[in-house]
Amino acid sequence: MHIELDLIEDKIEWVEADDLNNLEKKVNEKIEQNRAILLSVHSVSHQLQFDPDGKKHYSAVVHFKRKF
């Protein structure tokens, strides 16, 4: 039997929240989860949008890359 494992080179995750504090918590959780599989943060992009009722909606994209 031959088993071959491939390491994840890079990964992109999206996170959404209704307020900035929850967005930050969710991003930090994703960072810890990906650190466990040897990925580190390459870049973070975030955005704020308003729905038609004026409610804020926060989102972030986190790009992880493998640590060398």
Protein backbone atom coordinates (compact mmCIF):
# COMPACT_ATOMS: atom_id res chain seq x y z
CA MET A 1 0.00 0.00 0.00
CA HIS A 2 1.32 3.42 -0.98
CA ILE A 3 0.07 6.54 0.80
CA GLU A 4 1.02 9.98 -0.42
CA LEU A 5 0.19 13.14 1.49
CA ASP A 6 0.02 16.52 -0.20
CA LEU A 7 0.46 19.68 1.83
CA ILE A 8 -1.88 22.58 1.29
CA GLU A 9 0.14 25.36 -0.37
CA ASP A 10 -2.37 28.18 0.00
CA LYS A 11 -5.97 28.66 1.05
CA ILE A 12 -8.52 31.48 1.01
CA GLU A 13 -11.27 31.84 3.60
CA TRP A 14 -14.22 34.25 3.78
CA VAL A 15 -15.72 35.47 7.05
CA GLU A 16 -18.89 37.50 7.65
CA ALA A 17 -20.30 39.24 10.72
CA ASP A 18 -22.79 41.90 11.78
CA ASP A 19 -20.23 43.91 13.76
CA LEU A 20 -16.52 44.55 13.68
CA ASN A 21 -15.74 42.82 17.00
CA ASN A 22 -17.34 39.55 15.87
CA LEU A 23 -15.54 39.78 12.53
CA GLU A 24 -12.22 40.14 14.33
CA LYS A 25 -12.99 37.13 16.56
CA LYS A 26 -13.92 35.00 13.55
CA VAL A 27 -10.77 36.00 11.65
CA ASN A 28 -8.63 35.16 14.70
CA GLU A 29 -10.34 31.75 14.97
CA LYS A 30 -9.54 31.05 11.31
CA ILE A 31 -5.93 32.08 11.87
CA GLU A 32 -5.59 29.64 14.80
CA GLN A 33 -7.25 26.81 12.84
CA ASN A 34 -4.94 27.29 9.87
CA ARG A 35 -1.86 27.66 12.04
CA ALA A 36 -2.51 24.08 13.14
CA ILE A 37 -2.03 22.92 9.54
CA LEU A 38 1.10 25.08 9.11
CA LEU A 39 -0.48 27.92 7.15
CA SER A 40 0.27 31.55 7.95
CA VAL A 41 -1.54 34.74 6.95
CA HIS A 42 -0.38 36.16 3.64
CA SER A 43 -2.97 38.95 3.36
CA VAL A 44 -6.29 40.15 4.76
CA SER A 45 -8.89 42.23 2.96
CA HIS A 46 -12.06 43.53 4.56
CA GLN A 47 -15.16 45.35 3.45
CA LEU A 48 -18.18 47.13 4.95
CA GLN A 49 -21.54 47.18 3.19
CA PHE A 50 -24.93 48.60 4.09
CA ASP A 51 -28.15 46.75 3.35
CA PRO A 52 -31.23 48.66 2.10
CA ASP A 53 -32.34 49.24 5.71
CA GLY A 54 -28.99 50.84 6.60
CA LYS A 55 -27.72 47.88 8.65
CA LYS A 56 -23.95 47.33 8.49
CA HIS A 57 -22.52 44.07 7.18
CA TYR A 58 -18.81 43.29 7.56
CA SER A 59 -16.84 40.72 5.59
CA ALA A 60 -13.21 39.70 5.31
CA VAL A 61 -11.10 37.53 3.04
CA VAL A 62 -8.01 35.93 4.55
CA HIS A 63 -5.35 34.44 2.27
CA PHE A 64 -3.18 31.81 3.94
CA LYS A 65 0.09 30.40 2.61
CA ARG A 66 2.21 27.49 3.72
CA LYS A 67 5.07 28.29 6.11
CA PHE A 68 8.45 27.34 4.72
